[in-house]
Amino acid sequence: MRRINIFIAGLILVLSQSFLTANAGWDPDDKDKPTSTQEVDATIAAFLKQDANMQSFFDNAHGYAVFPKIYKAAIGVGGAYGTGQVYEKGKFIGDAKLSQLTYGFQLGGQAYSEVIFFGEEDALERFKAEKMEFSAQASAVAVTAGASADAAYEHGVAIFTLAIGGLMYEASIGGQKFSFNPAE
């Protein structure tokens, strides 16, 4: 029993040190800065580089939301946060925030990009009215070459993700929530 307690204490110490050093460059004021158009353009280019067929989603969707960087971390309880921009028929209409709370068996941290396509006006309007929430059952497609060829809209929405880095072990449940701030 004592060995298990020592092991757990050591594991907590190692993990806490890695999270403390990861936060050393964190700027709390940076959280409220809107995502730049350059970040969005670079994110779209990265998605298209992985799968050029995604261009048809950008061309044909009623709208889309681009989240260049979503940061996710967990030790049992986890969370994720990211900011992005929302477009309707290719025109910028506002900023968005994504937040997520999960619980279950999970450990680690990761960063990824996410693009949400709205196939119809109704889906975009639900997003703008903050009435859209993705549950654990929502299926996001991890972008690889040709991944978009088999992707389809589900309830008017198609979600794609692209890993940036990190390592996460998880078997958890939770959901993504969104807030929308219209452009002035």
N, C-alpha and C. Protein backbone atom coordinates (compact mmCIF):
# COMPACT_ATOMS: atom_id res chain seq x y z
N MET A 1 0.83 -1.19 0.00
CA MET A 1 0.00 0.00 0.00
C MET A 1 0.87 1.25 0.00
N ARG A 2 1.94 1.19 0.78
CA ARG A 2 2.82 2.35 0.87
C ARG A 2 3.49 2.63 -0.48
N ARG A 3 3.86 1.58 -1.21
CA ARG A 3 4.48 1.76 -2.53
C ARG A 3 3.53 2.44 -3.50
N ILE A 4 2.27 2.07 -3.42
CA ILE A 4 1.27 2.69 -4.30
C ILE A 4 1.15 4.17 -3.98
N ASN A 5 1.10 4.54 -2.71
CA ASN A 5 1.01 5.95 -2.33
C ASN A 5 2.23 6.73 -2.79
N ILE A 6 3.41 6.15 -2.65
CA ILE A 6 4.64 6.81 -3.11
C ILE A 6 4.60 6.98 -4.62
N PHE A 7 4.16 5.94 -5.33
CA PHE A 7 4.07 6.02 -6.78
C PHE A 7 3.10 7.12 -7.21
N ILE A 8 1.94 7.17 -6.60
CA ILE A 8 0.94 8.19 -6.94
C ILE A 8 1.47 9.59 -6.63
N ALA A 9 2.11 9.76 -5.49
CA ALA A 9 2.69 11.06 -5.14
C ALA A 9 3.75 11.47 -6.16
N GLY A 10 4.59 10.53 -6.56
CA GLY A 10 5.62 10.82 -7.56
C GLY A 10 5.01 11.18 -8.90
N LEU A 11 3.98 10.46 -9.30
CA LEU A 11 3.31 10.75 -10.56
C LEU A 11 2.68 12.14 -10.54
N ILE A 12 2.04 12.49 -9.46
CA ILE A 12 1.44 13.83 -9.33
C ILE A 12 2.52 14.90 -9.40
N LEU A 13 3.64 14.68 -8.75
CA LEU A 13 4.74 15.65 -8.77
C LEU A 13 5.27 15.84 -10.18
N VAL A 14 5.51 14.76 -10.89
CA VAL A 14 6.03 14.85 -12.26
C VAL A 14 5.04 15.56 -13.16
N LEU A 15 3.77 15.19 -13.09
CA LEU A 15 2.77 15.81 -13.94
C LEU A 15 2.58 17.29 -13.61
N SER A 16 2.59 17.63 -12.34
CA SER A 16 2.40 19.03 -11.97
C SER A 16 3.57 19.87 -12.46
N GLN A 17 4.77 19.34 -12.43
CA GLN A 17 5.92 20.08 -12.92
C GLN A 17 5.82 20.33 -14.41
N SER A 18 5.36 19.34 -15.16
CA SER A 18 5.24 19.53 -16.60
C SER A 18 4.16 20.55 -16.93
N PHE A 19 3.07 20.57 -16.17
CA PHE A 19 2.03 21.56 -16.42
C PHE A 19 2.46 22.95 -15.98
N LEU A 20 3.23 23.06 -14.91
CA LEU A 20 3.70 24.37 -14.46
C LEU A 20 4.63 24.98 -15.49
N THR A 21 5.54 24.20 -16.05
CA THR A 21 6.45 24.75 -17.04
C THR A 21 5.72 25.07 -18.34
N ALA A 22 4.69 24.32 -18.66
CA ALA A 22 3.92 24.60 -19.87
C ALA A 22 3.19 25.93 -19.75
N ASN A 23 2.80 26.32 -18.54
CA ASN A 23 2.07 27.56 -18.34
C ASN A 23 2.98 28.77 -18.15
N ALA A 24 4.29 28.56 -18.13
CA ALA A 24 5.20 29.67 -17.88
C ALA A 24 5.06 30.77 -18.92
N GLY A 25 4.76 30.43 -20.17
CA GLY A 25 4.61 31.43 -21.21
C GLY A 25 3.18 31.90 -21.40
N TRP A 26 2.29 31.50 -20.54
CA TRP A 26 0.88 31.83 -20.68
C TRP A 26 0.64 33.29 -20.33
N ASP A 27 -0.11 33.96 -21.15
CA ASP A 27 -0.48 35.35 -20.93
C ASP A 27 -1.99 35.41 -20.70
N PRO A 28 -2.44 35.70 -19.47
CA PRO A 28 -3.88 35.70 -19.20
C PRO A 28 -4.65 36.71 -20.03
N ASP A 29 -4.01 37.79 -20.44
CA ASP A 29 -4.69 38.78 -21.27
C ASP A 29 -4.89 38.28 -22.69
N ASP A 30 -4.06 37.32 -23.11
CA ASP A 30 -4.13 36.78 -24.46
C ASP A 30 -5.44 36.03 -24.70
N LYS A 31 -6.07 35.54 -23.64
CA LYS A 31 -7.30 34.75 -23.74
C LYS A 31 -8.43 35.54 -24.40
N ASP A 32 -8.49 36.82 -24.17
CA ASP A 32 -9.60 37.62 -24.67
C ASP A 32 -9.30 38.29 -26.01
N LYS A 33 -8.11 38.08 -26.54
CA LYS A 33 -7.80 38.66 -27.84
C LYS A 33 -8.49 37.86 -28.93
N PRO A 34 -9.13 38.55 -29.86
CA PRO A 34 -9.79 37.81 -30.94
C PRO A 34 -8.75 37.14 -31.85
N THR A 35 -9.18 36.09 -32.49
CA THR A 35 -8.33 35.38 -33.44
C THR A 35 -8.09 36.28 -34.64
N SER A 36 -6.87 36.27 -35.16
CA SER A 36 -6.57 37.12 -36.30
C SER A 36 -6.93 36.42 -37.61
N THR A 37 -7.19 37.22 -38.62
CA THR A 37 -7.51 36.69 -39.94
C THR A 37 -6.33 35.90 -40.49
N GLN A 38 -5.09 36.32 -40.17
CA GLN A 38 -3.91 35.60 -40.63
C GLN A 38 -3.87 34.19 -40.04
N GLU A 39 -4.25 34.04 -38.76
CA GLU A 39 -4.30 32.72 -38.14
C GLU A 39 -5.35 31.84 -38.83
N VAL A 40 -6.48 32.42 -39.13
CA VAL A 40 -7.55 31.67 -39.81
C VAL A 40 -7.10 31.25 -41.20
N ASP A 41 -6.50 32.18 -41.95
CA ASP A 41 -6.02 31.85 -43.30
C ASP A 41 -4.98 30.74 -43.26
N ALA A 42 -4.06 30.80 -42.30
CA ALA A 42 -3.03 29.76 -42.16
C ALA A 42 -3.66 28.42 -41.79
N THR A 43 -4.68 28.45 -40.95
CA THR A 43 -5.37 27.21 -40.55
C THR A 43 -6.09 26.59 -41.74
N ILE A 44 -6.79 27.41 -42.50
CA ILE A 44 -7.49 26.90 -43.70
C ILE A 44 -6.47 26.30 -44.67
N ALA A 45 -5.34 26.99 -44.86
CA ALA A 45 -4.29 26.47 -45.75
C ALA A 45 -3.76 25.13 -45.25
N ALA A 46 -3.60 24.98 -43.93
CA ALA A 46 -3.11 23.71 -43.36
C ALA A 46 -4.11 22.59 -43.60
N PHE A 47 -5.40 22.87 -43.44
CA PHE A 47 -6.43 21.86 -43.70
C PHE A 47 -6.41 21.46 -45.18
N LEU A 48 -6.34 22.46 -46.07
CA LEU A 48 -6.35 22.17 -47.51
C LEU A 48 -5.08 21.44 -47.95
N LYS A 49 -3.97 21.71 -47.28
CA LYS A 49 -2.72 21.01 -47.59
C LYS A 49 -2.87 19.52 -47.26
N GLN A 50 -3.54 19.22 -46.16
CA GLN A 50 -3.77 17.82 -45.77
C GLN A 50 -4.78 17.15 -46.69
N ASP A 51 -5.79 17.90 -47.12
CA ASP A 51 -6.85 17.32 -47.96
C ASP A 51 -7.43 18.41 -48.86
N ALA A 52 -6.96 18.47 -50.09
CA ALA A 52 -7.40 19.50 -51.03
C ALA A 52 -8.89 19.39 -51.35
N ASN A 53 -9.48 18.21 -51.16
CA ASN A 53 -10.91 18.03 -51.43
C ASN A 53 -11.79 18.82 -50.47
N MET A 54 -11.22 19.29 -49.36
CA MET A 54 -12.01 20.10 -48.42
C MET A 54 -12.45 21.42 -49.03
N GLN A 55 -11.80 21.83 -50.12
CA GLN A 55 -12.17 23.08 -50.77
C GLN A 55 -13.66 23.10 -51.11
N SER A 56 -14.21 21.95 -51.47
CA SER A 56 -15.64 21.91 -51.81
C SER A 56 -16.51 22.24 -50.60
N PHE A 57 -16.07 21.88 -49.39
CA PHE A 57 -16.82 22.26 -48.19
C PHE A 57 -16.79 23.78 -48.02
N PHE A 58 -15.60 24.39 -48.18
CA PHE A 58 -15.49 25.85 -48.05
C PHE A 58 -16.34 26.55 -49.12
N ASP A 59 -16.34 26.00 -50.34
CA ASP A 59 -17.07 26.62 -51.45
C ASP A 59 -18.59 26.47 -51.33
N ASN A 60 -19.05 25.35 -50.80
CA ASN A 60 -20.48 25.04 -50.83
C ASN A 60 -21.22 25.20 -49.51
N ALA A 61 -20.51 25.34 -48.42
CA ALA A 61 -21.17 25.48 -47.11
C ALA A 61 -21.85 26.85 -47.01
N HIS A 62 -22.95 26.89 -46.29
CA HIS A 62 -23.60 28.18 -46.04
C HIS A 62 -22.70 29.06 -45.16
N GLY A 63 -21.97 28.43 -44.26
CA GLY A 63 -21.04 29.14 -43.39
C GLY A 63 -20.08 28.17 -42.74
N TYR A 64 -19.10 28.74 -42.04
CA TYR A 64 -18.15 27.90 -41.32
C TYR A 64 -17.49 28.69 -40.19
N ALA A 65 -17.04 27.96 -39.19
CA ALA A 65 -16.30 28.54 -38.07
C ALA A 65 -14.92 27.89 -38.05
N VAL A 66 -13.89 28.72 -37.91
CA VAL A 66 -12.50 28.22 -37.90
C VAL A 66 -11.89 28.55 -36.54
N PHE A 67 -11.41 27.51 -35.86
CA PHE A 67 -10.73 27.65 -34.58
C PHE A 67 -9.27 27.22 -34.80
N PRO A 68 -8.34 28.19 -34.97
CA PRO A 68 -6.95 27.84 -35.27
C PRO A 68 -6.26 27.02 -34.18
N LYS A 69 -6.51 27.34 -32.92
CA LYS A 69 -5.86 26.60 -31.84
C LYS A 69 -6.85 26.36 -30.70
N ILE A 70 -7.08 25.10 -30.43
CA ILE A 70 -7.87 24.70 -29.27
C ILE A 70 -6.93 23.95 -28.35
N TYR A 71 -6.85 24.38 -27.12
CA TYR A 71 -5.97 23.74 -26.15
C TYR A 71 -6.81 22.89 -25.21
N LYS A 72 -6.38 21.64 -25.03
CA LYS A 72 -7.12 20.69 -24.21
C LYS A 72 -6.15 20.05 -23.23
N ALA A 73 -6.55 19.97 -21.95
CA ALA A 73 -5.73 19.33 -20.92
C ALA A 73 -6.64 18.61 -19.93
N ALA A 74 -6.09 17.54 -19.33
CA ALA A 74 -6.91 16.78 -18.39
C ALA A 74 -6.08 15.92 -17.47
N ILE A 75 -6.56 15.80 -16.26
CA ILE A 75 -6.14 14.79 -15.29
C ILE A 75 -7.44 14.37 -14.62
N GLY A 76 -8.11 13.38 -15.18
CA GLY A 76 -9.42 12.97 -14.67
C GLY A 76 -10.52 13.89 -15.16
N VAL A 77 -10.48 15.14 -14.74
CA VAL A 77 -11.39 16.16 -15.25
C VAL A 77 -10.60 16.97 -16.26
N GLY A 78 -11.23 17.29 -17.37
CA GLY A 78 -10.50 18.00 -18.41
C GLY A 78 -11.27 19.18 -18.94
N GLY A 79 -10.57 19.99 -19.68
CA GLY A 79 -11.19 21.15 -20.29
C GLY A 79 -10.48 21.53 -21.56
N ALA A 80 -11.16 22.28 -22.39
CA ALA A 80 -10.59 22.78 -23.63
C ALA A 80 -11.12 24.19 -23.86
N TYR A 81 -10.31 24.98 -24.57
CA TYR A 81 -10.71 26.36 -24.85
C TYR A 81 -10.05 26.80 -26.15
N GLY A 82 -10.78 27.56 -26.94
CA GLY A 82 -10.21 28.13 -28.16
C GLY A 82 -11.08 29.26 -28.66
N THR A 83 -10.47 30.12 -29.47
CA THR A 83 -11.21 31.21 -30.10
C THR A 83 -11.10 31.06 -31.61
N GLY A 84 -12.09 31.60 -32.31
CA GLY A 84 -12.08 31.49 -33.76
C GLY A 84 -12.91 32.57 -34.41
N GLN A 85 -13.07 32.41 -35.72
CA GLN A 85 -13.85 33.35 -36.51
C GLN A 85 -14.94 32.59 -37.26
N VAL A 86 -16.05 33.29 -37.49
CA VAL A 86 -17.20 32.69 -38.16
C VAL A 86 -17.44 33.43 -39.48
N TYR A 87 -17.74 32.65 -40.52
CA TYR A 87 -17.97 33.19 -41.86
C TYR A 87 -19.30 32.70 -42.39
N GLU A 88 -20.00 33.60 -43.10
CA GLU A 88 -21.24 33.23 -43.78
C GLU A 88 -21.05 33.53 -45.26
N LYS A 89 -21.18 32.51 -46.09
CA LYS A 89 -20.96 32.62 -47.53
C LYS A 89 -19.61 33.28 -47.82
N GLY A 90 -18.59 32.91 -47.06
CA GLY A 90 -17.23 33.40 -47.27
C GLY A 90 -16.93 34.75 -46.65
N LYS A 91 -17.92 35.40 -46.03
CA LYS A 91 -17.72 36.74 -45.46
C LYS A 91 -17.66 36.65 -43.93
N PHE A 92 -16.68 37.31 -43.33
CA PHE A 92 -16.52 37.34 -41.87
C PHE A 92 -17.75 37.98 -41.22
N ILE A 93 -18.32 37.28 -40.22
CA ILE A 93 -19.51 37.83 -39.54
C ILE A 93 -19.33 37.95 -38.02
N GLY A 94 -18.23 37.40 -37.47
CA GLY A 94 -18.03 37.53 -36.03
C GLY A 94 -17.01 36.57 -35.46
N ASP A 95 -16.79 36.72 -34.17
CA ASP A 95 -15.84 35.88 -33.44
C ASP A 95 -16.61 34.84 -32.62
N ALA A 96 -15.93 33.74 -32.33
CA ALA A 96 -16.55 32.67 -31.54
C ALA A 96 -15.56 32.16 -30.50
N LYS A 97 -16.11 31.63 -29.42
CA LYS A 97 -15.32 30.97 -28.39
C LYS A 97 -15.86 29.56 -28.20
N LEU A 98 -14.94 28.64 -27.99
CA LEU A 98 -15.29 27.24 -27.75
C LEU A 98 -14.81 26.88 -26.36
N SER A 99 -15.65 26.23 -25.59
CA SER A 99 -15.23 25.71 -24.29
C SER A 99 -15.75 24.29 -24.15
N GLN A 100 -15.03 23.51 -23.39
CA GLN A 100 -15.39 22.11 -23.23
C GLN A 100 -15.01 21.65 -21.84
N LEU A 101 -15.89 20.86 -21.24
CA LEU A 101 -15.61 20.24 -19.95
C LEU A 101 -15.87 18.75 -20.11
N THR A 102 -14.90 17.93 -19.70
CA THR A 102 -15.04 16.49 -19.82
C THR A 102 -14.67 15.83 -18.50
N TYR A 103 -15.16 14.63 -18.31
CA TYR A 103 -14.75 13.85 -17.15
C TYR A 103 -14.70 12.38 -17.55
N GLY A 104 -13.86 11.65 -16.86
CA GLY A 104 -13.66 10.24 -17.16
C GLY A 104 -12.18 9.92 -17.07
N PHE A 105 -11.78 8.82 -17.68
CA PHE A 105 -10.38 8.43 -17.68
C PHE A 105 -9.66 9.23 -18.76
N GLN A 106 -8.86 10.19 -18.34
CA GLN A 106 -8.14 11.04 -19.29
C GLN A 106 -6.91 11.63 -18.62
N LEU A 107 -5.86 11.77 -19.40
CA LEU A 107 -4.61 12.31 -18.89
C LEU A 107 -3.81 12.86 -20.06
N GLY A 108 -3.34 14.09 -19.93
CA GLY A 108 -2.47 14.65 -20.95
C GLY A 108 -2.90 16.03 -21.39
N GLY A 109 -2.32 16.43 -22.49
CA GLY A 109 -2.64 17.73 -23.06
C GLY A 109 -2.41 17.69 -24.56
N GLN A 110 -3.16 18.47 -25.29
CA GLN A 110 -2.99 18.52 -26.73
C GLN A 110 -3.52 19.84 -27.27
N ALA A 111 -3.09 20.14 -28.47
CA ALA A 111 -3.59 21.30 -29.19
C ALA A 111 -4.03 20.83 -30.57
N TYR A 112 -5.12 21.39 -31.04
CA TYR A 112 -5.61 21.02 -32.36
C TYR A 112 -6.38 22.19 -32.96
N SER A 113 -6.60 22.12 -34.26
CA SER A 113 -7.42 23.09 -34.98
C SER A 113 -8.75 22.42 -35.31
N GLU A 114 -9.78 23.24 -35.44
CA GLU A 114 -11.11 22.69 -35.75
C GLU A 114 -11.82 23.62 -36.72
N VAL A 115 -12.48 23.02 -37.71
CA VAL A 115 -13.34 23.77 -38.63
C VAL A 115 -14.72 23.12 -38.57
N ILE A 116 -15.73 23.95 -38.38
CA ILE A 116 -17.11 23.49 -38.36
C ILE A 116 -17.82 24.09 -39.56
N PHE A 117 -18.34 23.23 -40.42
CA PHE A 117 -19.08 23.69 -41.60
C PHE A 117 -20.57 23.61 -41.33
N PHE A 118 -21.29 24.65 -41.74
CA PHE A 118 -22.74 24.70 -41.60
C PHE A 118 -23.33 24.55 -43.01
N GLY A 119 -23.94 23.41 -43.27
CA GLY A 119 -24.45 23.12 -44.60
C GLY A 119 -25.67 23.92 -44.99
N GLU A 120 -26.38 24.41 -44.00
CA GLU A 120 -27.60 25.15 -44.28
C GLU A 120 -27.70 26.34 -43.33
N GLU A 121 -28.52 27.31 -43.71
CA GLU A 121 -28.67 28.53 -42.93
C GLU A 121 -29.15 28.25 -41.51
N ASP A 122 -30.06 27.30 -41.35
CA ASP A 122 -30.60 26.97 -40.03
C ASP A 122 -29.50 26.55 -39.05
N ALA A 123 -28.55 25.76 -39.52
CA ALA A 123 -27.45 25.31 -38.65
C ALA A 123 -26.59 26.49 -38.20
N LEU A 124 -26.30 27.40 -39.12
CA LEU A 124 -25.52 28.59 -38.76
C LEU A 124 -26.29 29.47 -37.79
N GLU A 125 -27.58 29.62 -38.00
CA GLU A 125 -28.40 30.45 -37.10
C GLU A 125 -28.44 29.86 -35.69
N ARG A 126 -28.52 28.53 -35.57
CA ARG A 126 -28.47 27.89 -34.25
C ARG A 126 -27.13 28.17 -33.57
N PHE A 127 -26.04 28.13 -34.35
CA PHE A 127 -24.71 28.41 -33.80
C PHE A 127 -24.64 29.86 -33.30
N LYS A 128 -25.10 30.79 -34.12
CA LYS A 128 -25.06 32.21 -33.75
C LYS A 128 -25.94 32.50 -32.54
N ALA A 129 -27.04 31.78 -32.39
CA ALA A 129 -27.94 31.96 -31.25
C ALA A 129 -27.44 31.22 -30.01
N GLU A 130 -26.26 30.60 -30.13
CA GLU A 130 -25.62 29.85 -29.03
C GLU A 130 -26.51 28.70 -28.56
N LYS A 131 -27.22 28.10 -29.51
CA LYS A 131 -28.07 26.96 -29.20
C LYS A 131 -27.47 25.66 -29.73
N MET A 132 -26.20 25.72 -30.05
CA MET A 132 -25.54 24.54 -30.58
C MET A 132 -24.51 24.05 -29.57
N GLU A 133 -24.58 22.78 -29.28
CA GLU A 133 -23.63 22.15 -28.36
C GLU A 133 -23.36 20.76 -28.91
N PHE A 134 -22.09 20.40 -28.99
CA PHE A 134 -21.75 19.08 -29.50
C PHE A 134 -21.49 18.15 -28.34
N SER A 135 -22.15 17.02 -28.36
CA SER A 135 -21.98 16.03 -27.30
C SER A 135 -20.88 15.06 -27.69
N ALA A 136 -20.65 14.10 -26.81
CA ALA A 136 -19.64 13.09 -27.08
C ALA A 136 -19.98 12.29 -28.34
N GLN A 137 -21.26 12.29 -28.72
CA GLN A 137 -21.65 11.52 -29.89
C GLN A 137 -21.35 12.25 -31.20
N ALA A 138 -21.06 13.54 -31.15
CA ALA A 138 -20.75 14.27 -32.37
C ALA A 138 -19.48 13.70 -32.97
N SER A 139 -19.49 13.46 -34.26
CA SER A 139 -18.32 12.84 -34.87
C SER A 139 -17.53 13.86 -35.67
N ALA A 140 -16.31 14.08 -35.24
CA ALA A 140 -15.40 14.95 -35.96
C ALA A 140 -14.48 14.08 -36.80
N VAL A 141 -14.16 14.55 -38.00
CA VAL A 141 -13.27 13.82 -38.89
C VAL A 141 -11.86 14.37 -38.72
N ALA A 142 -10.92 13.49 -38.37
CA ALA A 142 -9.51 13.89 -38.30
C ALA A 142 -9.01 13.99 -39.73
N VAL A 143 -8.47 15.16 -40.09
CA VAL A 143 -8.11 15.41 -41.48
C VAL A 143 -6.81 14.70 -41.85
N THR A 144 -6.92 13.87 -42.86
CA THR A 144 -5.78 13.24 -43.53
C THR A 144 -6.08 13.32 -45.01
N ALA A 145 -5.15 12.94 -45.84
CA ALA A 145 -5.38 13.00 -47.28
C ALA A 145 -6.62 12.21 -47.66
N GLY A 146 -7.58 12.86 -48.29
CA GLY A 146 -8.79 12.20 -48.75
C GLY A 146 -9.87 12.01 -47.71
N ALA A 147 -9.66 12.48 -46.50
CA ALA A 147 -10.63 12.26 -45.42
C ALA A 147 -11.99 12.89 -45.72
N SER A 148 -11.99 14.02 -46.41
CA SER A 148 -13.26 14.72 -46.64
C SER A 148 -14.11 14.03 -47.70
N ALA A 149 -13.54 13.12 -48.46
CA ALA A 149 -14.29 12.44 -49.52
C ALA A 149 -15.46 11.65 -48.94
N ASP A 150 -15.30 11.07 -47.76
CA ASP A 150 -16.36 10.28 -47.14
C ASP A 150 -17.14 11.05 -46.08
N ALA A 151 -16.75 12.28 -45.81
CA ALA A 151 -17.40 13.07 -44.76
C ALA A 151 -18.74 13.59 -45.26
N ALA A 152 -19.68 13.70 -44.33
CA ALA A 152 -21.00 14.21 -44.68
C ALA A 152 -21.53 15.08 -43.55
N TYR A 153 -22.51 15.90 -43.87
CA TYR A 153 -23.15 16.73 -42.86
C TYR A 153 -24.04 15.85 -41.99
N GLU A 154 -24.01 16.12 -40.69
CA GLU A 154 -24.89 15.44 -39.74
C GLU A 154 -25.65 16.54 -38.99
N HIS A 155 -26.96 16.57 -39.13
CA HIS A 155 -27.80 17.63 -38.55
C HIS A 155 -27.35 19.00 -39.05
N GLY A 156 -26.94 19.07 -40.32
CA GLY A 156 -26.54 20.33 -40.93
C GLY A 156 -25.13 20.78 -40.62
N VAL A 157 -24.35 19.94 -39.95
CA VAL A 157 -23.01 20.32 -39.50
C VAL A 157 -21.99 19.24 -39.88
N ALA A 158 -20.81 19.67 -40.32
CA ALA A 158 -19.68 18.76 -40.53
C ALA A 158 -18.48 19.33 -39.78
N ILE A 159 -17.79 18.49 -39.02
CA ILE A 159 -16.70 18.95 -38.16
C ILE A 159 -15.41 18.26 -38.58
N PHE A 160 -14.34 19.05 -38.73
CA PHE A 160 -13.03 18.50 -39.06
C PHE A 160 -12.01 18.99 -38.05
N THR A 161 -11.08 18.13 -37.67
CA THR A 161 -10.02 18.52 -36.74
C THR A 161 -8.67 18.19 -37.35
N LEU A 162 -7.66 18.94 -36.93
CA LEU A 162 -6.28 18.73 -37.38
C LEU A 162 -5.38 18.86 -36.16
N ALA A 163 -4.65 17.80 -35.83
CA ALA A 163 -3.78 17.80 -34.66
C ALA A 163 -2.62 18.76 -34.85
N ILE A 164 -2.31 19.52 -33.81
CA ILE A 164 -1.14 20.39 -33.80
C ILE A 164 -0.03 19.74 -33.00
N GLY A 165 -0.36 19.20 -31.84
CA GLY A 165 0.66 18.53 -31.02
C GLY A 165 0.11 18.12 -29.68
N GLY A 166 0.91 17.37 -28.95
CA GLY A 166 0.53 16.93 -27.62
C GLY A 166 0.17 15.46 -27.61
N LEU A 167 -0.14 14.98 -26.43
CA LEU A 167 -0.51 13.58 -26.26
C LEU A 167 -1.62 13.51 -25.22
N MET A 168 -2.68 12.82 -25.58
CA MET A 168 -3.83 12.72 -24.69
C MET A 168 -4.35 11.30 -24.70
N TYR A 169 -4.49 10.75 -23.51
CA TYR A 169 -5.15 9.46 -23.34
C TYR A 169 -6.51 9.76 -22.75
N GLU A 170 -7.57 9.27 -23.41
CA GLU A 170 -8.87 9.57 -22.84
C GLU A 170 -9.95 8.57 -23.23
N ALA A 171 -10.83 8.38 -22.29
CA ALA A 171 -12.09 7.67 -22.48
C ALA A 171 -13.05 8.48 -21.62
N SER A 172 -13.53 9.58 -22.19
CA SER A 172 -14.27 10.54 -21.38
C SER A 172 -15.55 10.96 -22.10
N ILE A 173 -16.41 11.63 -21.35
CA ILE A 173 -17.61 12.20 -21.94
C ILE A 173 -17.66 13.69 -21.61
N GLY A 174 -18.30 14.42 -22.46
CA GLY A 174 -18.41 15.86 -22.27
C GLY A 174 -18.90 16.47 -23.56
N GLY A 175 -18.94 17.77 -23.63
CA GLY A 175 -19.42 18.41 -24.83
C GLY A 175 -18.80 19.76 -25.05
N GLN A 176 -18.80 20.19 -26.31
CA GLN A 176 -18.30 21.51 -26.65
C GLN A 176 -19.47 22.50 -26.64
N LYS A 177 -19.21 23.66 -26.05
CA LYS A 177 -20.19 24.75 -26.06
C LYS A 177 -19.56 25.93 -26.78
N PHE A 178 -20.40 26.75 -27.37
CA PHE A 178 -19.91 27.86 -28.18
C PHE A 178 -20.60 29.15 -27.79
N SER A 179 -19.87 30.25 -27.94
CA SER A 179 -20.47 31.57 -27.83
C SER A 179 -20.09 32.35 -29.08
N PHE A 180 -20.97 33.23 -29.51
CA PHE A 180 -20.78 33.98 -30.74
C PHE A 180 -20.89 35.46 -30.45
N ASN A 181 -19.96 36.24 -31.00
CA ASN A 181 -19.95 37.69 -30.85
C ASN A 181 -19.96 38.30 -32.25
N PRO A 182 -21.09 38.87 -32.70
CA PRO A 182 -21.16 39.40 -34.07
C PRO A 182 -20.18 40.54 -34.30
N ALA A 183 -19.70 40.64 -35.54
CA ALA A 183 -18.81 41.72 -35.93
C ALA A 183 -19.58 43.03 -35.93
N GLU A 184 -18.88 44.10 -35.64
CA GLU A 184 -19.54 45.42 -35.60
C GLU A 184 -19.41 46.12 -36.91
